[in-house]
Amino acid sequence: MPALLNTADPDFKAGFAAMLAAKREDADDVGAAVADIIDEVRARGDAALVALTARFDRTDLTAETLRFSETEIDAACARVDPAERAALELAAGRIRAYHARQMPEDALWTDASGAQLGWRWTPVTAAGLYVPGGQASYPSSVLMNAIPARVAGVERLVVCVPTPGGAVNPLVLLACRLAGVDEVWRIGGAQAIAAMAHGTQTMRPVDKITGPGNAYVAAAKRQVFGRVGIDSIAGPSEVLVIAEGAQNPEWLALDLLAQAEHDADAQAILMTPDQGLARAVAAEVERILPQLPRAAIAGASWQAHGTIIITRDLAEAAALSNRIAPEHLELCVDDAEGLAAQIRHAGAIFLGAWTPEATGDYVSGPNHVLPTARSARFSSGLSVLDFLKRSTLSRLTPAALAAIGPAAVTLAMSEGLPAHARSVQARLDDLPPLPRP
């Protein structure tokens, strides 16, 4: 049975705090092993990738076959079922249209002193996208990572996807084609992150790495950060469903189980002021769970991390939601927009009973790469902005320097940086006579 909390109970605060503090992933320290892998790739390049792929993915490659050829990609794409191709094309189109609206505008203006100021946005030159390919493969993740990068104007897109035993999902390669990926490499794990960050004899390094992965991938991203940019360190997936009485218990149960079937560390939470609805949803979960092909995984998640919270009202539910800062938040209530106005911290918000979180994973348009483990308190989901950099612009006229330069001299001297001060003062001393106003 999942944990049951009631805000009216005297021990609620302790139970809720324990839920927030619970670690839902393997705590084993993999940092040392990952550091060794990164060092090996840096030292031996392609030879290390070949050896590590044979060891971890049971696939024998050469330096020449680490990367998929265009012929191999063409053949894989041709094997995709027409219905699956159509669904992937629909998803790609919607994701592209949504992210195109995120493109920011450059700006340039002249302020009261006569200084010309502004900024401009430019994309990173090359992005590396990691796509899991172990226990499952995710063509949707290709679209969610590669399309925003291409919309941003990234020149070179590299995908790394492991192929355990040599197997590859043709949909992953089709997604790469639809998203405009330039290179697809059949390598995974920490060695893929190391190769994208440092480069090898055949792979040029990238500027930013995005995409989810296991604990080894996450540790590798941490260790290469600084040499390259990264998106985030993703933890186990999570959903919070806030619901009130006039909802379909079966729908809500399926929404919870859709999250639980990701992996045993995923978390599904139902929050409602209606105890009758809570009981009905719990019963539906128990009824549906044995029918699922991934029942063992979903059952382990629901048993270990599933939670039902009874609140006094929806306002209290919103306040608790802000403390949880969930990755996914479903508002299955009559006035979803009104309740959403009370939400400050959530990765993605799904408004109304007809908007299941699963649509957001594939076809709605917003990105499904989202902050987990309460990091929605301070971060956002993947977007076009993750592949852009902002450079500031400034131009001072003699009059503008005369107006603001003396303050710069004063501040530089106060900080004990006389060369800073002199670099400004020298220009002030050489200013031509300014015209009278």
Protein backbone atom coordinates (compact mmCIF):
# COMPACT_ATOMS: atom_id res chain seq x y z
CA MET A 1 0.00 0.00 0.00
CA PRO A 2 1.19 3.56 -0.63
CA ALA A 3 1.85 5.97 2.22
CA LEU A 4 -1.31 7.73 3.45
CA LEU A 5 -0.97 11.23 4.94
CA ASN A 6 -3.68 13.51 6.25
CA THR A 7 -2.98 17.17 6.99
CA ALA A 8 -5.41 17.00 9.91
CA ASP A 9 -3.32 14.37 11.70
CA PRO A 10 -0.90 15.53 14.41
CA ASP A 11 2.01 13.63 12.85
CA PHE A 12 1.46 15.00 9.33
CA LYS A 13 4.38 17.46 9.41
CA ALA A 14 6.83 14.73 10.28
CA GLY A 15 5.45 12.36 7.64
CA PHE A 16 5.46 15.04 4.95
CA ALA A 17 9.02 16.10 5.83
CA ALA A 18 10.14 12.47 5.60
CA MET A 19 8.58 12.16 2.15
CA LEU A 20 10.39 15.30 0.94
CA ALA A 21 13.71 14.10 2.34
CA ALA A 22 13.49 10.54 1.02
CA LYS A 23 16.17 9.63 -1.52
CA ARG A 24 14.63 7.69 -4.38
CA GLU A 25 17.68 6.49 -6.23
CA ASP A 26 20.67 4.27 -5.74
CA ALA A 27 23.09 5.91 -3.33
CA ASP A 28 26.15 3.94 -4.45
CA ASP A 29 29.09 6.20 -5.24
CA VAL A 30 29.93 5.73 -8.90
CA GLY A 31 32.12 8.82 -9.15
CA ALA A 32 35.45 7.00 -8.96
CA ALA A 33 34.50 4.47 -11.64
CA VAL A 34 33.27 7.25 -13.90
CA ALA A 35 36.46 9.25 -13.41
CA ASP A 36 38.47 6.20 -14.55
CA ILE A 37 36.30 5.85 -17.66
CA ILE A 38 36.71 9.53 -18.54
CA ASP A 39 40.48 9.30 -18.09
CA GLU A 40 40.59 6.20 -20.30
CA VAL A 41 38.66 7.91 -23.10
CA ARG A 42 40.84 11.01 -22.88
CA ALA A 43 44.00 8.90 -23.06
CA ARG A 44 43.03 6.32 -25.67
CA GLY A 45 40.17 7.90 -27.60
CA ASP A 46 38.47 5.57 -30.08
CA ALA A 47 40.31 2.51 -28.77
CA ALA A 48 38.80 3.12 -25.33
CA LEU A 49 35.32 3.52 -26.82
CA VAL A 50 35.66 0.23 -28.68
CA ALA A 51 36.85 -1.62 -25.57
CA LEU A 52 34.26 -0.08 -23.24
CA THR A 53 31.40 -0.73 -25.67
CA ALA A 54 32.42 -4.38 -25.88
CA ARG A 55 32.57 -4.60 -22.09
CA PHE A 56 29.36 -2.81 -21.17
CA ASP A 57 27.12 -3.22 -24.25
CA ARG A 58 28.36 -6.57 -25.57
CA THR A 59 28.87 -5.02 -29.02
CA ASP A 60 32.05 -5.45 -31.04
CA LEU A 61 32.90 -2.32 -33.00
CA THR A 62 35.87 -0.69 -34.67
CA ALA A 63 36.79 2.97 -34.84
CA GLU A 64 35.12 3.04 -38.26
CA THR A 65 31.81 1.57 -37.02
CA LEU A 66 31.37 3.61 -33.83
CA ARG A 67 29.19 5.98 -35.86
CA PHE A 68 26.09 4.91 -37.77
CA SER A 69 26.47 5.32 -41.52
CA GLU A 70 23.82 7.13 -43.55
CA THR A 71 23.06 3.81 -45.27
CA GLU A 72 22.38 2.15 -41.91
CA ILE A 73 20.12 5.00 -40.84
CA ASP A 74 18.24 4.87 -44.16
CA ALA A 75 17.67 1.12 -43.76
CA ALA A 76 16.45 1.50 -40.18
CA CYS A 77 14.06 4.32 -41.10
CA ALA A 78 12.59 2.18 -43.89
CA ARG A 79 11.63 -0.47 -41.33
CA VAL A 80 9.46 1.89 -39.26
CA ASP A 81 5.76 1.11 -39.28
CA PRO A 82 3.78 3.81 -41.18
CA ALA A 83 1.52 4.51 -38.18
CA GLU A 84 4.55 4.96 -35.92
CA ARG A 85 6.20 7.22 -38.51
CA ALA A 86 3.07 9.36 -38.70
CA ALA A 87 2.88 9.63 -34.92
CA LEU A 88 6.54 10.63 -34.69
CA GLU A 89 6.12 13.21 -37.45
CA LEU A 90 3.10 14.69 -35.66
CA ALA A 91 5.07 14.92 -32.43
CA ALA A 92 8.07 16.48 -34.18
CA GLY A 93 5.92 19.12 -35.83
CA ARG A 94 4.21 20.11 -32.61
CA ILE A 95 7.46 20.19 -30.61
CA ARG A 96 9.10 22.34 -33.31
CA ALA A 97 6.19 24.81 -33.42
CA TYR A 98 6.11 25.18 -29.64
CA HIS A 99 9.84 25.75 -29.28
CA ALA A 100 9.98 28.22 -32.19
CA ARG A 101 7.91 30.58 -30.03
CA GLN A 102 10.62 30.52 -27.35
CA MET A 103 13.22 32.27 -29.50
CA PRO A 104 14.20 35.51 -27.75
CA GLU A 105 14.81 38.81 -29.52
CA ASP A 106 18.00 40.85 -29.66
CA ALA A 107 17.82 44.38 -28.23
CA LEU A 108 19.70 47.66 -28.70
CA TRP A 109 18.87 51.10 -27.27
CA THR A 110 20.46 54.41 -26.29
CA ASP A 111 20.02 55.53 -22.69
CA ALA A 112 19.84 59.03 -21.23
CA SER A 113 23.66 59.38 -20.99
CA GLY A 114 24.06 58.62 -24.69
CA ALA A 115 25.42 55.10 -24.09
CA GLN A 116 24.29 52.50 -26.59
CA LEU A 117 23.42 49.25 -24.77
CA GLY A 118 21.85 45.92 -25.59
CA TRP A 119 22.32 42.23 -26.06
CA ARG A 120 22.25 39.59 -28.75
CA TRP A 121 21.64 35.86 -28.69
CA THR A 122 23.82 33.30 -30.45
CA PRO A 123 23.65 29.49 -30.40
CA VAL A 124 26.32 27.11 -29.24
CA THR A 125 28.21 25.69 -32.20
CA ALA A 126 27.80 22.00 -31.37
CA ALA A 127 25.50 20.10 -29.00
CA GLY A 128 25.74 16.50 -27.86
CA LEU A 129 22.51 14.71 -27.02
CA TYR A 130 22.48 11.55 -24.92
CA VAL A 131 19.62 9.12 -25.57
CA PRO A 132 19.15 6.11 -23.24
CA GLY A 133 19.15 2.75 -24.95
CA GLY A 134 19.53 0.17 -22.21
CA GLN A 135 16.36 -1.20 -20.60
CA ALA A 136 14.30 0.96 -22.98
CA SER A 137 14.88 3.40 -25.83
CA TYR A 138 13.17 6.72 -26.24
CA PRO A 139 12.68 8.30 -29.67
CA SER A 140 10.64 10.98 -27.90
CA SER A 141 13.78 12.03 -26.02
CA VAL A 142 15.57 12.53 -29.34
CA LEU A 143 12.86 14.95 -30.46
CA MET A 144 12.73 16.78 -27.13
CA ASN A 145 16.50 17.38 -27.06
CA ALA A 146 17.40 17.80 -30.73
CA ILE A 147 14.52 19.95 -31.98
CA PRO A 148 15.06 22.84 -29.52
CA ALA A 149 18.77 22.76 -30.40
CA ARG A 150 18.03 22.95 -34.12
CA VAL A 151 15.44 25.71 -33.60
CA ALA A 152 18.08 27.66 -31.65
CA GLY A 153 20.40 27.44 -34.65
CA VAL A 154 22.98 24.93 -33.40
CA GLU A 155 25.19 24.04 -36.37
CA ARG A 156 26.16 20.49 -35.39
CA LEU A 157 24.01 17.99 -33.52
CA VAL A 158 25.53 14.77 -32.21
CA VAL A 159 23.51 11.91 -30.70
CA CYS A 160 24.99 9.09 -28.65
CA VAL A 161 22.76 6.07 -28.07
CA PRO A 162 23.90 2.73 -26.63
CA THR A 163 23.03 -0.41 -28.61
CA PRO A 164 23.23 -3.33 -26.15
CA GLY A 165 23.93 -6.52 -28.04
CA GLY A 166 23.95 -4.50 -31.25
CA ALA A 167 20.20 -3.81 -31.09
CA VAL A 168 18.83 -0.39 -32.01
CA ASN A 169 15.28 0.93 -32.13
CA PRO A 170 14.61 2.11 -35.72
CA LEU A 171 12.32 4.80 -34.29
CA VAL A 172 15.31 6.39 -32.54
CA LEU A 173 17.15 6.72 -35.84
CA LEU A 174 14.04 8.05 -37.59
CA ALA A 175 13.63 10.61 -34.80
CA CYS A 176 17.24 11.68 -35.42
CA ARG A 177 16.39 12.23 -39.09
CA LEU A 178 13.22 14.17 -38.34
CA ALA A 179 15.04 16.38 -35.82
CA GLY A 180 17.95 17.17 -38.14
CA VAL A 181 20.69 15.33 -36.24
CA ASP A 182 24.05 15.32 -38.04
CA GLU A 183 25.84 12.40 -36.36
CA VAL A 184 24.56 9.30 -34.54
CA TRP A 185 27.04 7.26 -32.52
CA ARG A 186 26.38 3.79 -31.10
CA ILE A 187 28.05 4.39 -27.75
CA GLY A 188 26.55 4.92 -24.31
CA GLY A 189 27.30 5.35 -20.64
CA ALA A 190 29.99 7.55 -19.13
CA GLN A 191 32.23 6.83 -22.12
CA ALA A 192 29.77 8.58 -24.45
CA ILE A 193 29.71 11.67 -22.23
CA ALA A 194 33.52 11.65 -22.09
CA ALA A 195 33.80 11.38 -25.87
CA MET A 196 31.40 14.25 -26.48
CA ALA A 197 33.15 16.45 -23.93
CA HIS A 198 36.79 15.71 -24.83
CA GLY A 199 36.59 14.35 -28.37
CA THR A 200 38.43 11.38 -29.86
CA GLN A 201 40.27 10.68 -33.10
CA THR A 202 36.95 10.42 -34.96
CA MET A 203 34.53 12.49 -32.84
CA ARG A 204 34.95 16.22 -32.51
CA PRO A 205 33.99 17.57 -29.06
CA VAL A 206 30.79 19.55 -28.48
CA ASP A 207 30.00 22.65 -26.47
CA LYS A 208 26.96 21.44 -24.51
CA ILE A 209 25.59 18.03 -23.51
CA THR A 210 21.94 17.35 -22.74
CA GLY A 211 19.76 14.32 -22.17
CA PRO A 212 18.92 11.83 -19.40
CA GLY A 213 20.76 8.68 -18.40
CA ASN A 214 21.59 6.31 -15.58
CA ALA A 215 23.73 7.05 -12.53
CA TYR A 216 26.94 6.67 -14.54
CA VAL A 217 25.76 9.12 -17.19
CA ALA A 218 24.67 11.60 -14.50
CA ALA A 219 28.03 11.33 -12.72
CA ALA A 220 29.89 11.80 -15.99
CA LYS A 221 27.89 14.94 -16.78
CA ARG A 222 28.80 16.33 -13.37
CA GLN A 223 32.48 15.64 -13.96
CA VAL A 224 32.71 17.20 -17.44
CA PHE A 225 30.69 20.28 -16.48
CA GLY A 226 32.88 23.31 -16.91
CA ARG A 227 34.64 21.91 -19.93
CA VAL A 228 31.22 21.75 -21.57
CA GLY A 229 27.80 22.98 -20.53
CA ILE A 230 25.11 20.53 -19.39
CA ASP A 231 21.36 20.81 -19.05
CA SER A 232 20.75 19.25 -15.62
CA ILE A 233 21.24 16.13 -13.54
CA ALA A 234 17.94 14.27 -13.83
CA GLY A 235 16.64 12.09 -11.03
CA PRO A 236 13.76 9.59 -10.96
CA SER A 237 10.55 10.78 -12.58
CA GLU A 238 7.60 12.04 -10.51
CA VAL A 239 4.00 13.20 -10.81
CA LEU A 240 1.67 14.96 -8.41
CA VAL A 241 -2.04 14.78 -9.18
CA ILE A 242 -4.30 17.26 -7.37
CA ALA A 243 -7.93 16.24 -7.77
CA GLU A 244 -11.36 16.97 -6.38
CA GLY A 245 -14.50 14.86 -6.12
CA ALA A 246 -16.08 15.00 -9.58
CA GLN A 247 -13.23 13.16 -11.28
CA ASN A 248 -12.93 9.73 -12.86
CA PRO A 249 -11.00 7.48 -10.42
CA GLU A 250 -9.85 5.18 -13.22
CA TRP A 251 -8.29 8.08 -15.15
CA LEU A 252 -6.46 9.29 -12.07
CA ALA A 253 -5.21 5.79 -11.25
CA LEU A 254 -3.87 5.39 -14.77
CA ASP A 255 -2.10 8.74 -14.53
CA LEU A 256 -0.38 7.61 -11.33
CA LEU A 257 0.58 4.25 -12.82
CA ALA A 258 1.87 5.89 -16.02
CA GLN A 259 4.51 7.54 -13.89
CA ALA A 260 5.14 4.50 -11.69
CA GLU A 261 5.91 2.28 -14.68
CA HIS A 262 8.99 4.36 -15.59
CA ASP A 263 11.10 2.64 -12.94
CA ALA A 264 10.98 1.41 -9.37
CA ASP A 265 12.32 4.75 -8.09
CA ALA A 266 9.61 6.86 -9.75
CA GLN A 267 7.11 8.59 -7.50
CA ALA A 268 3.36 9.08 -7.95
CA ILE A 269 1.42 11.26 -5.49
CA LEU A 270 -2.33 11.91 -5.26
CA MET A 271 -3.48 14.94 -3.28
CA THR A 272 -7.17 15.58 -2.66
CA PRO A 273 -9.54 17.01 -0.03
CA ASP A 274 -12.00 14.19 -0.85
CA GLN A 275 -11.36 11.01 1.14
CA GLY A 276 -13.93 9.12 -0.92
CA LEU A 277 -12.08 9.96 -4.12
CA ALA A 278 -8.79 8.94 -2.52
CA ARG A 279 -10.19 5.52 -1.61
CA ALA A 280 -11.67 5.07 -5.08
CA VAL A 281 -8.41 5.91 -6.83
CA ALA A 282 -6.41 3.61 -4.56
CA ALA A 283 -8.85 0.79 -5.37
CA GLU A 284 -8.50 1.46 -9.10
CA VAL A 285 -4.71 1.33 -8.84
CA GLU A 286 -4.92 -2.08 -7.19
CA ARG A 287 -7.37 -3.28 -9.86
CA ILE A 288 -5.36 -2.04 -12.85
CA LEU A 289 -1.84 -2.78 -11.63
CA PRO A 290 -1.85 -6.59 -12.26
CA GLN A 291 -2.96 -5.97 -15.86
CA LEU A 292 0.12 -3.94 -16.78
CA PRO A 293 3.03 -5.51 -18.69
CA ARG A 294 5.35 -3.51 -16.41
CA ALA A 295 3.41 -4.44 -13.28
CA ALA A 296 6.52 -5.47 -11.34
CA ILE A 297 8.17 -2.07 -11.91
CA ALA A 298 5.02 -0.01 -11.36
CA GLY A 299 4.11 -2.06 -8.30
CA ALA A 300 7.53 -1.56 -6.73
CA SER A 301 7.30 2.18 -7.33
CA TRP A 302 3.77 2.46 -5.92
CA GLN A 303 4.64 0.35 -2.90
CA ALA A 304 7.87 2.16 -2.03
CA HIS A 305 7.16 5.73 -3.11
CA GLY A 306 3.45 6.09 -3.86
CA THR A 307 1.69 8.58 -1.59
CA ILE A 308 -1.89 9.74 -1.01
CA ILE A 309 -2.32 13.03 0.85
CA ILE A 310 -5.69 14.19 2.21
CA THR A 311 -5.88 17.98 2.52
CA ARG A 312 -8.42 20.33 4.07
CA ASP A 313 -9.04 22.09 0.77
CA LEU A 314 -7.47 22.85 -2.61
CA ALA A 315 -5.68 25.95 -1.32
CA GLU A 316 -3.79 23.79 1.16
CA ALA A 317 -3.05 21.34 -1.64
CA ALA A 318 -1.52 24.14 -3.72
CA ALA A 319 0.64 25.25 -0.79
CA LEU A 320 1.92 21.71 -0.26
CA SER A 321 2.51 21.31 -4.00
CA ASN A 322 4.78 24.35 -3.93
CA ARG A 323 6.86 22.65 -1.24
CA ILE A 324 7.10 19.48 -3.32
CA ALA A 325 7.91 21.41 -6.54
CA PRO A 326 6.96 18.39 -8.66
CA GLU A 327 8.37 17.55 -12.05
CA HIS A 328 4.84 16.98 -13.40
CA LEU A 329 1.73 18.51 -11.84
CA GLU A 330 -1.78 17.52 -12.96
CA LEU A 331 -4.64 19.77 -11.82
CA CYS A 332 -7.74 17.60 -12.22
CA VAL A 333 -10.13 20.11 -10.69
CA ASP A 334 -13.08 22.17 -11.89
CA ASP A 335 -11.16 25.46 -11.92
CA ALA A 336 -7.72 24.35 -13.09
CA GLU A 337 -6.65 27.83 -14.17
CA GLY A 338 -7.62 29.29 -10.82
CA LEU A 339 -5.65 26.66 -8.94
CA ALA A 340 -2.70 27.04 -11.32
CA ALA A 341 -2.50 30.71 -10.35
CA GLN A 342 -1.53 29.52 -6.84
CA ILE A 343 1.31 27.32 -8.13
CA ARG A 344 4.82 28.79 -8.09
CA HIS A 345 7.04 25.71 -8.39
CA ALA A 346 6.42 22.95 -10.95
CA GLY A 347 8.28 21.68 -13.98
CA ALA A 348 5.18 21.23 -16.15
CA ILE A 349 1.53 21.92 -15.29
CA PHE A 350 -1.31 20.00 -16.93
CA LEU A 351 -4.64 21.80 -16.73
CA GLY A 352 -7.85 19.82 -16.41
CA ALA A 353 -8.89 16.19 -16.49
CA TRP A 354 -8.56 15.95 -20.29
CA THR A 355 -4.82 16.72 -20.19
CA PRO A 356 -3.00 13.59 -18.98
CA GLU A 357 0.70 14.00 -18.33
CA ALA A 358 1.42 11.24 -20.86
CA THR A 359 0.44 13.57 -23.71
CA GLY A 360 3.18 15.91 -22.55
CA ASP A 361 5.70 13.10 -22.84
CA TYR A 362 5.03 12.83 -26.56
CA VAL A 363 2.79 15.17 -28.52
CA SER A 364 1.60 18.29 -26.70
CA GLY A 365 4.63 20.36 -27.66
CA PRO A 366 6.27 21.54 -24.39
CA ASN A 367 9.50 19.79 -23.49
CA HIS A 368 9.42 16.64 -21.37
CA VAL A 369 12.97 17.13 -20.05
CA LEU A 370 12.05 18.66 -16.69
CA PRO A 371 13.54 19.41 -13.26
CA THR A 372 13.20 16.60 -10.73
CA ALA A 373 13.84 16.12 -7.00
CA ARG A 374 12.36 19.52 -6.02
CA SER A 375 14.72 21.40 -8.37
CA ALA A 376 11.69 23.07 -10.00
CA ARG A 377 12.08 25.52 -7.10
CA PHE A 378 15.00 27.07 -8.98
CA SER A 379 15.17 25.63 -12.50
CA SER A 380 13.12 25.07 -15.62
CA GLY A 381 12.62 22.40 -18.24
CA LEU A 382 14.78 22.13 -21.34
CA SER A 383 14.12 24.86 -23.91
CA VAL A 384 15.61 26.73 -26.83
CA LEU A 385 17.33 28.99 -24.29
CA ASP A 386 19.49 26.05 -23.16
CA PHE A 387 21.23 26.14 -26.55
CA LEU A 388 21.64 29.93 -26.72
CA LYS A 389 24.12 32.34 -25.14
CA ARG A 390 23.54 36.04 -24.49
CA SER A 391 26.31 38.51 -25.27
CA THR A 392 25.92 42.06 -23.98
CA LEU A 393 26.61 45.08 -26.19
CA SER A 394 27.78 48.56 -25.20
CA ARG A 395 29.16 51.60 -26.99
CA LEU A 396 30.08 54.85 -25.22
CA THR A 397 30.38 58.19 -26.96
CA PRO A 398 32.74 60.83 -25.55
CA ALA A 399 29.74 62.50 -23.94
CA ALA A 400 28.54 59.23 -22.40
CA LEU A 401 32.03 58.50 -21.02
CA ALA A 402 32.16 61.98 -19.55
CA ALA A 403 28.82 61.37 -17.85
CA ILE A 404 29.47 57.97 -16.29
CA GLY A 405 33.26 57.48 -16.43
CA PRO A 406 34.11 59.40 -13.23
CA ALA A 407 31.93 57.03 -11.21
CA ALA A 408 33.84 54.08 -12.68
CA VAL A 409 37.13 55.70 -11.64
CA THR A 410 35.84 56.19 -8.10
CA LEU A 411 34.63 52.62 -7.77
CA ALA A 412 37.83 51.15 -9.24
CA MET A 413 39.96 53.07 -6.72
CA SER A 414 37.69 51.98 -3.88
CA GLU A 415 38.31 48.36 -4.89
CA GLY A 416 42.09 48.88 -5.02
CA LEU A 417 42.38 48.42 -8.79
CA PRO A 418 44.28 51.47 -10.01
CA ALA A 419 44.89 50.18 -13.55
CA HIS A 420 41.12 49.90 -13.95
CA ALA A 421 40.77 53.50 -12.83
CA ARG A 422 43.58 54.75 -15.08
CA SER A 423 42.17 52.99 -18.16
CA VAL A 424 39.06 55.15 -17.77
CA GLN A 425 40.78 58.31 -16.50
CA ALA A 426 43.18 58.36 -19.44
CA ARG A 427 40.28 58.66 -21.81
CA LEU A 428 38.58 61.27 -19.64
CA ASP A 429 41.79 63.32 -19.68
CA ASP A 430 41.91 63.18 -23.49
CA LEU A 431 38.27 64.03 -24.07
CA PRO A 432 37.81 66.72 -26.71
CA PRO A 433 35.88 69.79 -25.63
CA LEU A 434 32.24 68.83 -25.48
CA PRO A 435 29.71 71.04 -27.27
CA ARG A 436 27.68 73.29 -25.03
CA PRO A 437 24.08 72.12 -24.57
